[in-house]
Amino acid sequence: NSVVIGKDGACYPKPTQVALKAIADFQEWGYSQTVSLADNGTDWARSIFWSKGRYFLVIDTVEALKEGSFNLDCIWRVLGEPEAGSDRLDVEQEGERFHIVNADRSEKHITDREADFSPDWEKNWASYEHADGVVRMWHQRKRVSLRVGEQTAFVNLMYPSNDGTNQSFEVVQAGESAALIRDAKTGESVLA
């Protein structure tokens, strides 16, 4: 799972290392932030907020180091039976469900990983018994022009559910790199 960054029609290999900028692990929540520095004319930061036992909020922020036209593709790889909506992807594996809810108005589509060429898919997932072994890729795309220091972000909320834990959350982007998360059952809201 990554953000692929193209600048002015070119896409070069990603840096071989990322910087760990922050990490926290408390009783009810956790947080991490990593940054891929000088990634195709940008710094790409991934911030993950973890509400333990409930959800993960992932905010991918892309900041321009050089002015240009950027093609950005945030890709989530999933196994199981997918059902894609306009701003969400729901995946089921034998009654266990996983949900990705997007809040940034990016263009979206889903593909099979084999169609995107991956020579390792057969050996990696052939013995996985809870799904058909087909890795699907949910693409979230943006085409933006950015000046030096300008940012754009992908905002995704991820959570599990099943018949015993039938939880549901909504997410709204609140600024370029923040989100409001609302528990659809209790009405409780959190700004992250």
Protein backbone atom coordinates (compact mmCIF):
# COMPACT_ATOMS: atom_id res chain seq x y z
CA ASN A 1 0.00 0.00 0.00
CA SER A 2 1.57 3.18 -1.18
CA VAL A 3 1.25 6.49 -3.00
CA VAL A 4 2.81 6.48 -6.46
CA ILE A 5 3.98 9.96 -7.45
CA GLY A 6 4.59 11.17 -11.00
CA LYS A 7 5.83 14.69 -11.76
CA ASP A 8 5.59 16.39 -15.14
CA GLY A 9 4.96 13.06 -16.89
CA ALA A 10 7.89 11.18 -15.30
CA CYS A 11 8.02 8.72 -12.42
CA TYR A 12 11.33 7.65 -10.93
CA PRO A 13 11.96 4.86 -8.37
CA LYS A 14 10.97 5.65 -4.80
CA PRO A 15 13.69 6.41 -2.25
CA THR A 16 15.04 3.23 -0.66
CA GLN A 17 14.39 4.45 2.90
CA VAL A 18 11.77 6.43 4.75
CA ALA A 19 12.22 8.56 7.87
CA LEU A 20 10.30 7.73 11.03
CA LYS A 21 9.24 11.17 12.28
CA ALA A 22 6.94 10.23 15.17
CA ILE A 23 5.63 7.21 17.06
CA ALA A 24 3.34 6.85 20.07
CA ASP A 25 1.66 3.86 21.72
CA PHE A 26 -0.77 4.53 24.56
CA GLN A 27 -3.52 2.47 26.17
CA GLU A 28 -6.36 3.59 23.87
CA TRP A 29 -4.58 4.98 20.83
CA GLY A 30 -1.39 4.99 18.80
CA TYR A 31 0.20 7.16 16.15
CA SER A 32 3.02 7.01 13.64
CA GLN A 33 4.33 9.26 10.91
CA THR A 34 6.82 8.29 8.23
CA VAL A 35 8.16 10.50 5.44
CA SER A 36 9.54 9.50 2.06
CA LEU A 37 11.91 12.41 1.37
CA ALA A 38 12.56 13.74 -2.14
CA ASP A 39 10.05 11.31 -3.69
CA ASN A 40 9.62 12.48 -7.32
CA GLY A 41 9.77 16.17 -6.44
CA THR A 42 7.79 15.82 -3.20
CA ASP A 43 7.98 14.81 0.43
CA TRP A 44 5.29 12.17 1.02
CA ALA A 45 4.22 11.78 4.67
CA ARG A 46 1.99 8.96 5.93
CA SER A 47 0.35 9.67 9.29
CA ILE A 48 -1.54 6.79 10.93
CA PHE A 49 -3.87 7.42 13.87
CA TRP A 50 -4.94 4.18 15.63
CA SER A 51 -8.02 4.07 17.85
CA LYS A 52 -7.34 0.65 19.35
CA GLY A 53 -10.07 -1.91 18.72
CA ARG A 54 -11.94 0.55 16.47
CA TYR A 55 -10.23 2.07 13.43
CA PHE A 56 -7.16 3.44 11.68
CA LEU A 57 -7.14 6.89 10.08
CA VAL A 58 -4.46 7.17 7.37
CA ILE A 59 -3.59 10.60 6.01
CA ASP A 60 -1.12 10.66 3.12
CA THR A 61 0.17 14.20 2.58
CA VAL A 62 2.16 15.08 -0.53
CA GLU A 63 4.12 18.36 -0.36
CA ALA A 64 5.76 19.80 -3.48
CA LEU A 65 9.50 20.46 -3.26
CA LYS A 66 9.44 21.77 -6.83
CA GLU A 67 6.65 23.37 -8.82
CA GLY A 68 4.98 21.02 -11.25
CA SER A 69 2.08 18.95 -12.47
CA PHE A 70 1.65 15.82 -10.33
CA ASN A 71 -0.16 12.54 -10.97
CA LEU A 72 -0.77 10.87 -7.59
CA ASP A 73 -2.11 7.32 -7.13
CA CYS A 74 -2.89 6.13 -3.59
CA ILE A 75 -3.21 2.33 -3.83
CA TRP A 76 -4.76 -0.03 -1.26
CA ARG A 77 -4.34 -3.79 -1.84
CA VAL A 78 -7.03 -6.06 -0.42
CA LEU A 79 -8.08 -9.72 -0.45
CA GLY A 80 -11.68 -10.89 -0.43
CA GLU A 81 -14.94 -10.06 -2.16
CA PRO A 82 -14.96 -6.31 -2.85
CA GLU A 83 -17.90 -3.97 -3.12
CA ALA A 84 -16.89 -0.48 -4.22
CA GLY A 85 -19.01 2.60 -3.65
CA SER A 86 -18.25 6.17 -4.67
CA ASP A 87 -16.14 6.88 -1.57
CA ARG A 88 -15.74 3.50 0.08
CA LEU A 89 -14.52 -0.04 -0.43
CA ASP A 90 -16.03 -2.90 1.58
CA VAL A 91 -14.30 -6.30 1.47
CA GLU A 92 -15.62 -9.57 2.92
CA GLN A 93 -13.76 -12.76 3.83
CA GLU A 94 -16.03 -15.50 5.25
CA GLY A 95 -18.18 -13.10 7.31
CA GLU A 96 -15.29 -10.86 8.36
CA ARG A 97 -15.51 -7.42 6.78
CA PHE A 98 -12.98 -4.66 6.21
CA HIS A 99 -13.96 -1.14 5.23
CA ILE A 100 -11.98 1.74 3.70
CA VAL A 101 -13.84 5.07 3.67
CA ASN A 102 -12.24 7.88 1.66
CA ALA A 103 -12.86 11.58 2.38
CA ASP A 104 -10.73 13.49 -0.14
CA ARG A 105 -12.79 13.43 -3.37
CA SER A 106 -10.13 11.64 -5.42
CA GLU A 107 -11.03 9.64 -8.54
CA LYS A 108 -11.41 5.94 -7.71
CA HIS A 109 -11.40 2.58 -9.46
CA ILE A 110 -10.60 -1.04 -8.58
CA THR A 111 -8.45 -3.52 -10.50
CA ASP A 112 -7.15 -7.05 -10.03
CA ARG A 113 -3.48 -7.11 -9.10
CA GLU A 114 -2.65 -9.62 -11.85
CA ALA A 115 -4.03 -7.15 -14.39
CA ASP A 116 -1.54 -4.59 -13.09
CA PHE A 117 1.26 -7.19 -13.47
CA SER A 118 2.67 -8.84 -10.43
CA PRO A 119 4.69 -12.00 -11.00
CA ASP A 120 4.53 -13.03 -7.32
CA TRP A 121 0.76 -13.09 -6.70
CA GLU A 122 0.34 -16.86 -7.20
CA LYS A 123 2.98 -17.92 -4.70
CA ASN A 124 2.16 -15.18 -2.14
CA TRP A 125 -1.55 -15.95 -1.76
CA ALA A 126 -2.09 -19.45 -3.22
CA SER A 127 -2.45 -21.07 0.22
CA TYR A 128 -4.53 -18.28 1.79
CA GLU A 129 -7.81 -20.06 2.59
CA HIS A 130 -10.07 -17.15 3.56
CA ALA A 131 -10.31 -15.54 0.10
CA ASP A 132 -9.85 -16.45 -3.55
CA GLY A 133 -6.22 -15.27 -3.56
CA VAL A 134 -6.87 -12.44 -6.01
CA VAL A 135 -5.30 -9.23 -4.75
CA ARG A 136 -7.45 -6.29 -5.73
CA MET A 137 -6.10 -2.77 -5.88
CA TRP A 138 -8.26 0.23 -5.02
CA HIS A 139 -6.76 3.23 -6.78
CA GLN A 140 -7.44 6.77 -5.57
CA ARG A 141 -6.07 9.25 -8.10
CA LYS A 142 -5.43 12.98 -8.16
CA ARG A 143 -3.98 15.18 -10.89
CA VAL A 144 -2.85 18.47 -9.34
CA SER A 145 -0.57 21.40 -10.06
CA LEU A 146 1.41 22.42 -6.99
CA ARG A 147 3.84 25.21 -6.22
CA VAL A 148 6.76 24.74 -3.84
CA GLY A 149 5.40 24.12 -0.33
CA GLU A 150 1.81 23.42 -1.43
CA GLN A 151 0.19 20.17 -0.31
CA THR A 152 -2.58 17.78 -1.14
CA ALA A 153 -3.72 14.75 0.88
CA PHE A 154 -5.48 11.41 0.68
CA VAL A 155 -7.68 10.78 3.75
CA ASN A 156 -8.78 7.19 4.49
CA LEU A 157 -10.52 5.61 7.46
CA MET A 158 -10.16 1.82 7.86
CA TYR A 159 -12.03 -0.45 10.22
CA PRO A 160 -13.18 -4.08 10.61
CA SER A 161 -16.62 -5.41 11.35
CA ASN A 162 -18.48 -8.71 11.58
CA ASP A 163 -21.79 -9.93 12.99
CA GLY A 164 -20.42 -9.74 16.55
CA THR A 165 -18.76 -6.33 16.12
CA ASN A 166 -21.01 -4.45 13.76
CA GLN A 167 -19.32 -1.06 13.96
CA SER A 168 -19.65 1.74 11.43
CA PHE A 169 -17.79 5.05 11.05
CA GLU A 170 -17.98 8.11 8.84
CA VAL A 171 -15.14 10.46 7.96
CA VAL A 172 -15.06 14.02 6.67
CA GLN A 173 -11.93 15.85 5.57
CA ALA A 174 -11.46 18.88 7.84
CA GLY A 175 -8.70 20.90 6.22
CA GLU A 176 -5.95 19.61 3.97
CA SER A 177 -4.50 17.07 6.43
CA ALA A 178 -7.10 16.59 9.18
CA ALA A 179 -10.33 14.62 9.50
CA LEU A 180 -13.48 14.42 11.59
CA ILE A 181 -14.41 10.82 12.45
CA ARG A 182 -17.93 10.04 13.60
CA ASP A 183 -19.16 6.78 15.13
CA ALA A 184 -22.39 6.15 13.17
CA LYS A 185 -23.95 4.27 16.12
CA THR A 186 -23.10 6.49 19.10
CA GLY A 187 -22.68 9.83 17.36
CA GLU A 188 -19.31 10.34 19.10
CA SER A 189 -16.95 12.49 17.02
CA VAL A 190 -13.18 12.89 17.09
CA LEU A 191 -11.03 15.40 15.22
CA ALA A 192 -7.65 14.05 14.12
